[in-house]
Amino acid sequence: MNYDASVRCLLSLGRELAAPTQAAATKFDLENITVLAERLGRPDRAYPSAHIAGTNGKGSTAAFLESILRHAGFRTGLKHKRRGDRRPSLR
């Protein structure tokens, strides 16, 4: 499946779980976040990092990626934001 077919498939899915303000969203690109990063001076390029976002699965995805990188010999830092807990985990 190529990019265009993937977008068509995503657009065919129902939006019943979307917030009312997002129900008509059909944009699947990085334009907005790229503009924001440019205006902030590209902080994402200050050091190697992975930004994991979304509704579900961020914790397990971050733990999985951290484990892969650590076992590959990289020094990792996992920032897991919980209410009242702002401490990063460095390994």
PDB file of N, CA and C in Angstrom:
ATOM      1  N   MET A   1       0.853  -1.169   0.000  1.00  0.00           N
ATOM      2  CA  MET A   1       0.000   0.000   0.000  1.00  0.00           C
ATOM      3  C   MET A   1       0.904   1.238   0.000  1.00  0.00           C
ATOM      4  N   ASN A   2       0.663   2.166  -0.904  1.00  0.00           N
ATOM      5  CA  ASN A   2       1.455   3.391  -0.952  1.00  0.00           C
ATOM      6  C   ASN A   2       0.790   4.486  -0.108  1.00  0.00           C
ATOM      7  N   TYR A   3       1.406   5.679  -0.085  1.00  0.00           N
ATOM      8  CA  TYR A   3       0.905   6.770   0.753  1.00  0.00           C
ATOM      9  C   TYR A   3      -0.512   7.172   0.364  1.00  0.00           C
ATOM     10  N   ASP A   4      -0.759   7.376  -0.926  1.00  0.00           N
ATOM     11  CA  ASP A   4      -2.088   7.819  -1.366  1.00  0.00           C
ATOM     12  C   ASP A   4      -3.170   6.805  -0.997  1.00  0.00           C
ATOM     13  N   ALA A   5      -2.870   5.518  -1.187  1.00  0.00           N
ATOM     14  CA  ALA A   5      -3.840   4.481  -0.831  1.00  0.00           C
ATOM     15  C   ALA A   5      -4.065   4.451   0.681  1.00  0.00           C
ATOM     16  N   SER A   6      -3.002   4.692   1.453  1.00  0.00           N
ATOM     17  CA  SER A   6      -3.121   4.715   2.915  1.00  0.00           C
ATOM     18  C   SER A   6      -4.020   5.856   3.369  1.00  0.00           C
ATOM     19  N   VAL A   7      -3.833   7.039   2.773  1.00  0.00           N
ATOM     20  CA  VAL A   7      -4.664   8.195   3.136  1.00  0.00           C
ATOM     21  C   VAL A   7      -6.113   7.940   2.753  1.00  0.00           C
ATOM     22  N   ARG A   8      -6.358   7.377   1.584  1.00  0.00           N
ATOM     23  CA  ARG A   8      -7.736   7.065   1.182  1.00  0.00           C
ATOM     24  C   ARG A   8      -8.370   6.095   2.166  1.00  0.00           C
ATOM     25  N   CYS A   9      -7.606   5.113   2.600  1.00  0.00           N
ATOM     26  CA  CYS A   9      -8.111   4.130   3.570  1.00  0.00           C
ATOM     27  C   CYS A   9      -8.454   4.820   4.895  1.00  0.00           C
ATOM     28  N   LEU A  10      -7.563   5.690   5.369  1.00  0.00           N
ATOM     29  CA  LEU A  10      -7.823   6.398   6.624  1.00  0.00           C
ATOM     30  C   LEU A  10      -9.050   7.298   6.516  1.00  0.00           C
ATOM     31  N   LEU A  11      -9.194   7.957   5.377  1.00  0.00           N
ATOM     32  CA  LEU A  11     -10.336   8.849   5.194  1.00  0.00           C
ATOM     33  C   LEU A  11     -11.654   8.093   5.089  1.00  0.00           C
ATOM     34  N   SER A  12     -11.595   6.822   4.734  1.00  0.00           N
ATOM     35  CA  SER A  12     -12.824   6.033   4.622  1.00  0.00           C
ATOM     36  C   SER A  12     -13.334   5.559   5.978  1.00  0.00           C
ATOM     37  N   LEU A  13     -12.484   5.643   7.004  1.00  0.00           N
ATOM     38  CA  LEU A  13     -12.877   5.197   8.342  1.00  0.00           C
ATOM     39  C   LEU A  13     -13.878   6.172   8.949  1.00  0.00           C
ATOM     40  N   GLY A  14     -14.744   5.683   9.788  1.00  0.00           N
ATOM     41  CA  GLY A  14     -15.707   6.538  10.471  1.00  0.00           C
ATOM     42  C   GLY A  14     -15.030   7.438  11.474  1.00  0.00           C
ATOM     43  N   ARG A  15     -15.634   8.560  11.747  1.00  0.00           N
ATOM     44  CA  ARG A  15     -15.076   9.523  12.697  1.00  0.00           C
ATOM     45  C   ARG A  15     -15.892   9.551  13.990  1.00  0.00           C
ATOM     46  N   GLU A  16     -16.548   8.439  14.327  1.00  0.00           N
ATOM     47  CA  GLU A  16     -17.441   8.431  15.485  1.00  0.00           C
ATOM     48  C   GLU A  16     -16.728   8.665  16.814  1.00  0.00           C
ATOM     49  N   LEU A  17     -15.425   8.396  16.886  1.00  0.00           N
ATOM     50  CA  LEU A  17     -14.704   8.603  18.138  1.00  0.00           C
ATOM     51  C   LEU A  17     -14.000   9.953  18.194  1.00  0.00           C
ATOM     52  N   ALA A  18     -14.067  10.721  17.126  1.00  0.00           N
ATOM     53  CA  ALA A  18     -13.390  12.016  17.078  1.00  0.00           C
ATOM     54  C   ALA A  18     -14.156  13.055  17.885  1.00  0.00           C
ATOM     55  N   ALA A  19     -13.418  14.016  18.407  1.00  0.00           N
ATOM     56  CA  ALA A  19     -14.051  15.145  19.080  1.00  0.00           C
ATOM     57  C   ALA A  19     -14.831  15.943  18.047  1.00  0.00           C
ATOM     58  N   PRO A  20     -15.909  16.603  18.452  1.00  0.00           N
ATOM     59  CA  PRO A  20     -16.720  17.362  17.481  1.00  0.00           C
ATOM     60  C   PRO A  20     -15.913  18.357  16.659  1.00  0.00           C
ATOM     61  N   THR A  21     -14.902  18.969  17.278  1.00  0.00           N
ATOM     62  CA  THR A  21     -14.096  19.942  16.535  1.00  0.00           C
ATOM     63  C   THR A  21     -13.155  19.268  15.548  1.00  0.00           C
ATOM     64  N   GLN A  22     -12.942  17.970  15.690  1.00  0.00           N
ATOM     65  CA  GLN A  22     -12.037  17.247  14.803  1.00  0.00           C
ATOM     66  C   GLN A  22     -12.772  16.344  13.820  1.00  0.00           C
ATOM     67  N   ALA A  23     -14.082  16.322  13.883  1.00  0.00           N
ATOM     68  CA  ALA A  23     -14.847  15.382  13.069  1.00  0.00           C
ATOM     69  C   ALA A  23     -14.621  15.562  11.577  1.00  0.00           C
ATOM     70  N   ALA A  24     -14.301  16.772  11.139  1.00  0.00           N
ATOM     71  CA  ALA A  24     -14.103  17.006   9.705  1.00  0.00           C
ATOM     72  C   ALA A  24     -12.627  17.011   9.314  1.00  0.00           C
ATOM     73  N   ALA A  25     -11.749  16.707  10.245  1.00  0.00           N
ATOM     74  CA  ALA A  25     -10.312  16.744   9.953  1.00  0.00           C
ATOM     75  C   ALA A  25      -9.945  15.687   8.925  1.00  0.00           C
ATOM     76  N   THR A  26      -9.250  16.119   7.904  1.00  0.00           N
ATOM     77  CA  THR A  26      -8.800  15.190   6.865  1.00  0.00           C
ATOM     78  C   THR A  26      -7.354  15.455   6.491  1.00  0.00           C
ATOM     79  N   LYS A  27      -6.610  16.045   7.388  1.00  0.00           N
ATOM     80  CA  LYS A  27      -5.233  16.424   7.098  1.00  0.00           C
ATOM     81  C   LYS A  27      -4.283  15.452   7.789  1.00  0.00           C
ATOM     82  N   PHE A  28      -3.478  14.755   7.002  1.00  0.00           N
ATOM     83  CA  PHE A  28      -2.534  13.776   7.547  1.00  0.00           C
ATOM     84  C   PHE A  28      -1.117  14.141   7.131  1.00  0.00           C
ATOM     85  N   ASP A  29      -0.651  15.307   7.572  1.00  0.00           N
ATOM     86  CA  ASP A  29       0.716  15.688   7.261  1.00  0.00           C
ATOM     87  C   ASP A  29       1.329  16.394   8.465  1.00  0.00           C
ATOM     88  N   LEU A  30       2.553  16.835   8.318  1.00  0.00           N
ATOM     89  CA  LEU A  30       3.275  17.442   9.437  1.00  0.00           C
ATOM     90  C   LEU A  30       3.463  18.944   9.268  1.00  0.00           C
ATOM     91  N   GLU A  31       2.655  19.558   8.415  1.00  0.00           N
ATOM     92  CA  GLU A  31       2.837  20.983   8.106  1.00  0.00           C
ATOM     93  C   GLU A  31       2.729  21.862   9.348  1.00  0.00           C
ATOM     94  N   ASN A  32       1.689  21.691  10.152  1.00  0.00           N
ATOM     95  CA  ASN A  32       1.490  22.560  11.325  1.00  0.00           C
ATOM     96  C   ASN A  32       2.622  22.425  12.336  1.00  0.00           C
ATOM     97  N   ILE A  33       3.018  21.214  12.653  1.00  0.00           N
ATOM     98  CA  ILE A  33       4.076  21.034  13.647  1.00  0.00           C
ATOM     99  C   ILE A  33       5.421  21.485  13.096  1.00  0.00           C
ATOM    100  N   THR A  34       5.622  21.371  11.791  1.00  0.00           N
ATOM    101  CA  THR A  34       6.859  21.842  11.176  1.00  0.00           C
ATOM    102  C   THR A  34       6.958  23.357  11.263  1.00  0.00           C
ATOM    103  N   VAL A  35       5.846  24.053  11.004  1.00  0.00           N
ATOM    104  CA  VAL A  35       5.824  25.517  11.115  1.00  0.00           C
ATOM    105  C   VAL A  35       6.119  25.929  12.563  1.00  0.00           C
ATOM    106  N   LEU A  36       5.491  25.267  13.515  1.00  0.00           N
ATOM    107  CA  LEU A  36       5.733  25.578  14.922  1.00  0.00           C
ATOM    108  C   LEU A  36       7.199  25.343  15.287  1.00  0.00           C
ATOM    109  N   ALA A  37       7.762  24.215  14.878  1.00  0.00           N
ATOM    110  CA  ALA A  37       9.163  23.908  15.177  1.00  0.00           C
ATOM    111  C   ALA A  37      10.095  24.949  14.567  1.00  0.00           C
ATOM    112  N   GLU A  38       9.806  25.386  13.352  1.00  0.00           N
ATOM    113  CA  GLU A  38      10.618  26.436  12.717  1.00  0.00           C
ATOM    114  C   GLU A  38      10.566  27.722  13.528  1.00  0.00           C
ATOM    115  N   ARG A  39       9.380  28.115  13.965  1.00  0.00           N
ATOM    116  CA  ARG A  39       9.231  29.356  14.733  1.00  0.00           C
ATOM    117  C   ARG A  39       9.932  29.279  16.086  1.00  0.00           C
ATOM    118  N   LEU A  40      10.061  28.070  16.624  1.00  0.00           N
ATOM    119  CA  LEU A  40      10.732  27.877  17.915  1.00  0.00           C
ATOM    120  C   LEU A  40      12.234  27.647  17.757  1.00  0.00           C
ATOM    121  N   GLY A  41      12.741  27.712  16.519  1.00  0.00           N
ATOM    122  CA  GLY A  41      14.173  27.530  16.298  1.00  0.00           C
ATOM    123  C   GLY A  41      14.598  26.083  16.189  1.00  0.00           C
ATOM    124  N   ARG A  42      13.702  25.206  15.810  1.00  0.00           N
ATOM    125  CA  ARG A  42      13.955  23.767  15.630  1.00  0.00           C
ATOM    126  C   ARG A  42      14.562  23.106  16.874  1.00  0.00           C
ATOM    127  N   PRO A  43      13.866  23.186  18.025  1.00  0.00           N
ATOM    128  CA  PRO A  43      14.399  22.546  19.231  1.00  0.00           C
ATOM    129  C   PRO A  43      14.509  21.030  19.081  1.00  0.00           C
ATOM    130  N   ASP A  44      13.769  20.451  18.140  1.00  0.00           N
ATOM    131  CA  ASP A  44      13.840  19.008  17.923  1.00  0.00           C
ATOM    132  C   ASP A  44      15.186  18.571  17.381  1.00  0.00           C
ATOM    133  N   ARG A  45      15.978  19.507  16.884  1.00  0.00           N
ATOM    134  CA  ARG A  45      17.297  19.174  16.342  1.00  0.00           C
ATOM    135  C   ARG A  45      18.423  19.444  17.331  1.00  0.00           C
ATOM    136  N   ALA A  46      18.084  19.863  18.547  1.00  0.00           N
ATOM    137  CA  ALA A  46      19.098  20.157  19.554  1.00  0.00           C
ATOM    138  C   ALA A  46      19.799  18.887  20.034  1.00  0.00           C
ATOM    139  N   TYR A  47      19.095  17.775  20.027  1.00  0.00           N
ATOM    140  CA  TYR A  47      19.662  16.485  20.418  1.00  0.00           C
ATOM    141  C   TYR A  47      18.776  15.394  19.816  1.00  0.00           C
ATOM    142  N   PRO A  48      19.316  14.201  19.603  1.00  0.00           N
ATOM    143  CA  PRO A  48      18.507  13.116  19.024  1.00  0.00           C
ATOM    144  C   PRO A  48      17.332  12.775  19.937  1.00  0.00           C
ATOM    145  N   SER A  49      16.152  12.701  19.364  1.00  0.00           N
ATOM    146  CA  SER A  49      14.977  12.412  20.176  1.00  0.00           C
ATOM    147  C   SER A  49      13.877  11.798  19.327  1.00  0.00           C
ATOM    148  N   ALA A  50      12.936  11.197  20.004  1.00  0.00           N
ATOM    149  CA  ALA A  50      11.729  10.672  19.359  1.00  0.00           C
ATOM    150  C   ALA A  50      10.546  11.256  20.113  1.00  0.00           C
ATOM    151  N   HIS A  51       9.619  11.847  19.388  1.00  0.00           N
ATOM    152  CA  HIS A  51       8.412  12.404  19.995  1.00  0.00           C
ATOM    153  C   HIS A  51       7.266  11.446  19.666  1.00  0.00           C
ATOM    154  N   ILE A  52       6.659  10.888  20.693  1.00  0.00           N
ATOM    155  CA  ILE A  52       5.575   9.923  20.512  1.00  0.00           C
ATOM    156  C   ILE A  52       4.284  10.602  20.956  1.00  0.00           C
ATOM    157  N   ALA A  53       3.331  10.687  20.045  1.00  0.00           N
ATOM    158  CA  ALA A  53       2.081  11.376  20.346  1.00  0.00           C
ATOM    159  C   ALA A  53       0.912  10.509  19.905  1.00  0.00           C
ATOM    160  N   GLY A  54      -0.255  10.855  20.363  1.00  0.00           N
ATOM    161  CA  GLY A  54      -1.456  10.127  19.969  1.00  0.00           C
ATOM    162  C   GLY A  54      -2.357   9.910  21.160  1.00  0.00           C
ATOM    163  N   THR A  55      -3.427   9.202  20.925  1.00  0.00           N
ATOM    164  CA  THR A  55      -4.416   8.990  21.968  1.00  0.00           C
ATOM    165  C   THR A  55      -4.063   7.806  22.863  1.00  0.00           C
ATOM    166  N   ASN A  56      -3.747   6.684  22.279  1.00  0.00           N
ATOM    167  CA  ASN A  56      -3.481   5.464  23.049  1.00  0.00           C
ATOM    168  C   ASN A  56      -2.145   4.847  22.655  1.00  0.00           C
ATOM    169  N   GLY A  57      -1.531   4.169  23.605  1.00  0.00           N
ATOM    170  CA  GLY A  57      -0.333   3.386  23.314  1.00  0.00           C
ATOM    171  C   GLY A  57       0.986   4.111  23.417  1.00  0.00           C
ATOM    172  N   LYS A  58       0.989   5.350  23.900  1.00  0.00           N
ATOM    173  CA  LYS A  58       2.244   6.096  23.980  1.00  0.00           C
ATOM    174  C   LYS A  58       3.213   5.473  24.981  1.00  0.00           C
ATOM    175  N   GLY A  59       2.715   5.062  26.121  1.00  0.00           N
ATOM    176  CA  GLY A  59       3.587   4.500  27.150  1.00  0.00           C
ATOM    177  C   GLY A  59       4.266   3.223  26.702  1.00  0.00           C
ATOM    178  N   SER A  60       3.504   2.316  26.132  1.00  0.00           N
ATOM    179  CA  SER A  60       4.098   1.052  25.688  1.00  0.00           C
ATOM    180  C   SER A  60       5.009   1.266  24.486  1.00  0.00           C
ATOM    181  N   THR A  61       4.643   2.187  23.591  1.00  0.00           N
ATOM    182  CA  THR A  61       5.500   2.494  22.439  1.00  0.00           C
ATOM    183  C   THR A  61       6.812   3.095  22.908  1.00  0.00           C
ATOM    184  N   ALA A  62       6.754   4.022  23.866  1.00  0.00           N
ATOM    185  CA  ALA A  62       7.963   4.641  24.394  1.00  0.00           C
ATOM    186  C   ALA A  62       8.844   3.611  25.100  1.00  0.00           C
ATOM    187  N   ALA A  63       8.246   2.742  25.889  1.00  0.00           N
ATOM    188  CA  ALA A  63       9.020   1.708  26.588  1.00  0.00           C
ATOM    189  C   ALA A  63       9.671   0.749  25.599  1.00  0.00           C
ATOM    190  N   PHE A  64       8.955   0.375  24.565  1.00  0.00           N
ATOM    191  CA  PHE A  64       9.473  -0.520  23.533  1.00  0.00           C
ATOM    192  C   PHE A  64      10.654   0.131  22.814  1.00  0.00           C
ATOM    193  N   LEU A  65      10.507   1.381  22.398  1.00  0.00           N
ATOM    194  CA  LEU A  65      11.566   2.092  21.700  1.00  0.00           C
ATOM    195  C   LEU A  65      12.772   2.300  22.611  1.00  0.00           C
ATOM    196  N   GLU A  66      12.528   2.656  23.862  1.00  0.00           N
ATOM    197  CA  GLU A  66      13.621   2.851  24.817  1.00  0.00           C
ATOM    198  C   GLU A  66      14.414   1.573  25.004  1.00  0.00           C
ATOM    199  N   SER A  67      13.725   0.451  25.104  1.00  0.00           N
ATOM    200  CA  SER A  67      14.396  -0.839  25.277  1.00  0.00           C
ATOM    201  C   SER A  67      15.250  -1.193  24.056  1.00  0.00           C
ATOM    202  N   ILE A  68      14.708  -0.978  22.868  1.00  0.00           N
ATOM    203  CA  ILE A  68      15.457  -1.260  21.636  1.00  0.00           C
ATOM    204  C   ILE A  68      16.731  -0.419  21.580  1.00  0.00           C
ATOM    205  N   LEU A  69      16.601   0.881  21.839  1.00  0.00           N
ATOM    206  CA  LEU A  69      17.758   1.775  21.755  1.00  0.00           C
ATOM    207  C   LEU A  69      18.794   1.458  22.825  1.00  0.00           C
ATOM    208  N   ARG A  70      18.330   1.191  24.047  1.00  0.00           N
ATOM    209  CA  ARG A  70      19.258   0.865  25.143  1.00  0.00           C
ATOM    210  C   ARG A  70      20.033  -0.403  24.833  1.00  0.00           C
ATOM    211  N   HIS A  71      19.344  -1.427  24.323  1.00  0.00           N
ATOM    212  CA  HIS A  71      20.018  -2.683  23.986  1.00  0.00           C
ATOM    213  C   HIS A  71      20.942  -2.546  22.780  1.00  0.00           C
ATOM    214  N   ALA A  72      20.720  -1.520  21.975  1.00  0.00           N
ATOM    215  CA  ALA A  72      21.606  -1.245  20.839  1.00  0.00           C
ATOM    216  C   ALA A  72      22.813  -0.420  21.264  1.00  0.00           C
ATOM    217  N   GLY A  73      22.887  -0.084  22.555  1.00  0.00           N
ATOM    218  CA  GLY A  73      24.044   0.617  23.071  1.00  0.00           C
ATOM    219  C   GLY A  73      23.886   2.119  23.228  1.00  0.00           C
ATOM    220  N   PHE A  74      22.687   2.640  22.999  1.00  0.00           N
ATOM    221  CA  PHE A  74      22.460   4.067  23.156  1.00  0.00           C
ATOM    222  C   PHE A  74      22.113   4.393  24.596  1.00  0.00           C
ATOM    223  N   ARG A  75      22.514   5.581  25.043  1.00  0.00           N
ATOM    224  CA  ARG A  75      22.080   6.081  26.335  1.00  0.00           C
ATOM    225  C   ARG A  75      20.705   6.692  26.125  1.00  0.00           C
ATOM    226  N   THR A  76      19.764   6.339  26.949  1.00  0.00           N
ATOM    227  CA  THR A  76      18.383   6.774  26.731  1.00  0.00           C
ATOM    228  C   THR A  76      17.852   7.553  27.919  1.00  0.00           C
ATOM    229  N   GLY A  77      16.860   8.350  27.666  1.00  0.00           N
ATOM    230  CA  GLY A  77      16.124   9.066  28.699  1.00  0.00           C
ATOM    231  C   GLY A  77      14.661   8.990  28.344  1.00  0.00           C
ATOM    232  N   LEU A  78      13.869   8.454  29.222  1.00  0.00           N
ATOM    233  CA  LEU A  78      12.442   8.294  28.947  1.00  0.00           C
ATOM    234  C   LEU A  78      11.675   9.269  29.807  1.00  0.00           C
ATOM    235  N   LYS A  79      11.038  10.234  29.170  1.00  0.00           N
ATOM    236  CA  LYS A  79      10.228  11.236  29.879  1.00  0.00           C
ATOM    237  C   LYS A  79       8.784  10.790  29.791  1.00  0.00           C
ATOM    238  N   HIS A  80       8.261  10.301  30.890  1.00  0.00           N
ATOM    239  CA  HIS A  80       6.871   9.859  30.930  1.00  0.00           C
ATOM    240  C   HIS A  80       6.113  10.824  31.809  1.00  0.00           C
ATOM    241  N   LYS A  81       5.243  11.598  31.226  1.00  0.00           N
ATOM    242  CA  LYS A  81       4.545  12.650  31.949  1.00  0.00           C
ATOM    243  C   LYS A  81       3.292  12.100  32.614  1.00  0.00           C
ATOM    244  N   ARG A  82       3.296  12.108  33.913  1.00  0.00           N
ATOM    245  CA  ARG A  82       2.121  11.728  34.697  1.00  0.00           C
ATOM    246  C   ARG A  82       1.726  12.911  35.546  1.00  0.00           C
ATOM    247  N   ARG A  83       0.528  12.920  35.998  1.00  0.00           N
ATOM    248  CA  ARG A  83       0.081  14.009  36.876  1.00  0.00           C
ATOM    249  C   ARG A  83       0.915  14.017  38.151  1.00  0.00           C
ATOM    250  N   GLY A  84       1.508  15.146  38.437  1.00  0.00           N
ATOM    251  CA  GLY A  84       2.298  15.284  39.656  1.00  0.00           C
ATOM    252  C   GLY A  84       3.683  14.692  39.575  1.00  0.00           C
ATOM    253  N   ASP A  85       4.030  14.035  38.483  1.00  0.00           N
ATOM    254  CA  ASP A  85       5.347  13.405  38.357  1.00  0.00           C
ATOM    255  C   ASP A  85       6.032  13.969  37.125  1.00  0.00           C
ATOM    256  N   ARG A  86       7.020  14.792  37.313  1.00  0.00           N
ATOM    257  CA  ARG A  86       7.714  15.445  36.194  1.00  0.00           C
ATOM    258  C   ARG A  86       9.168  14.987  36.070  1.00  0.00           C
ATOM    259  N   ARG A  87       9.527  13.867  36.683  1.00  0.00           N
ATOM    260  CA  ARG A  87      10.901  13.409  36.696  1.00  0.00           C
ATOM    261  C   ARG A  87      11.207  12.516  35.496  1.00  0.00           C
ATOM    262  N   PRO A  88      12.229  12.867  34.707  1.00  0.00           N
ATOM    263  CA  PRO A  88      12.617  11.973  33.606  1.00  0.00           C
ATOM    264  C   PRO A  88      13.384  10.777  34.141  1.00  0.00           C
ATOM    265  N   SER A  89      13.329   9.685  33.431  1.00  0.00           N
ATOM    266  CA  SER A  89      14.076   8.487  33.783  1.00  0.00           C
ATOM    267  C   SER A  89      15.272   8.377  32.845  1.00  0.00           C
ATOM    268  N   LEU A  90      16.474   8.498  33.386  1.00  0.00           N
ATOM    269  CA  LEU A  90      17.695   8.394  32.567  1.00  0.00           C
ATOM    270  C   LEU A  90      18.327   7.043  32.770  1.00  0.00           C
ATOM    271  N   ARG A  91      18.749   6.429  31.634  1.00  0.00           N
ATOM    272  CA  ARG A  91      19.408   5.119  31.731  1.00  0.00           C
ATOM    273  C   ARG A  91      20.655   5.106  30.892  1.00  0.00           C
TER     274      ARG A  91
END
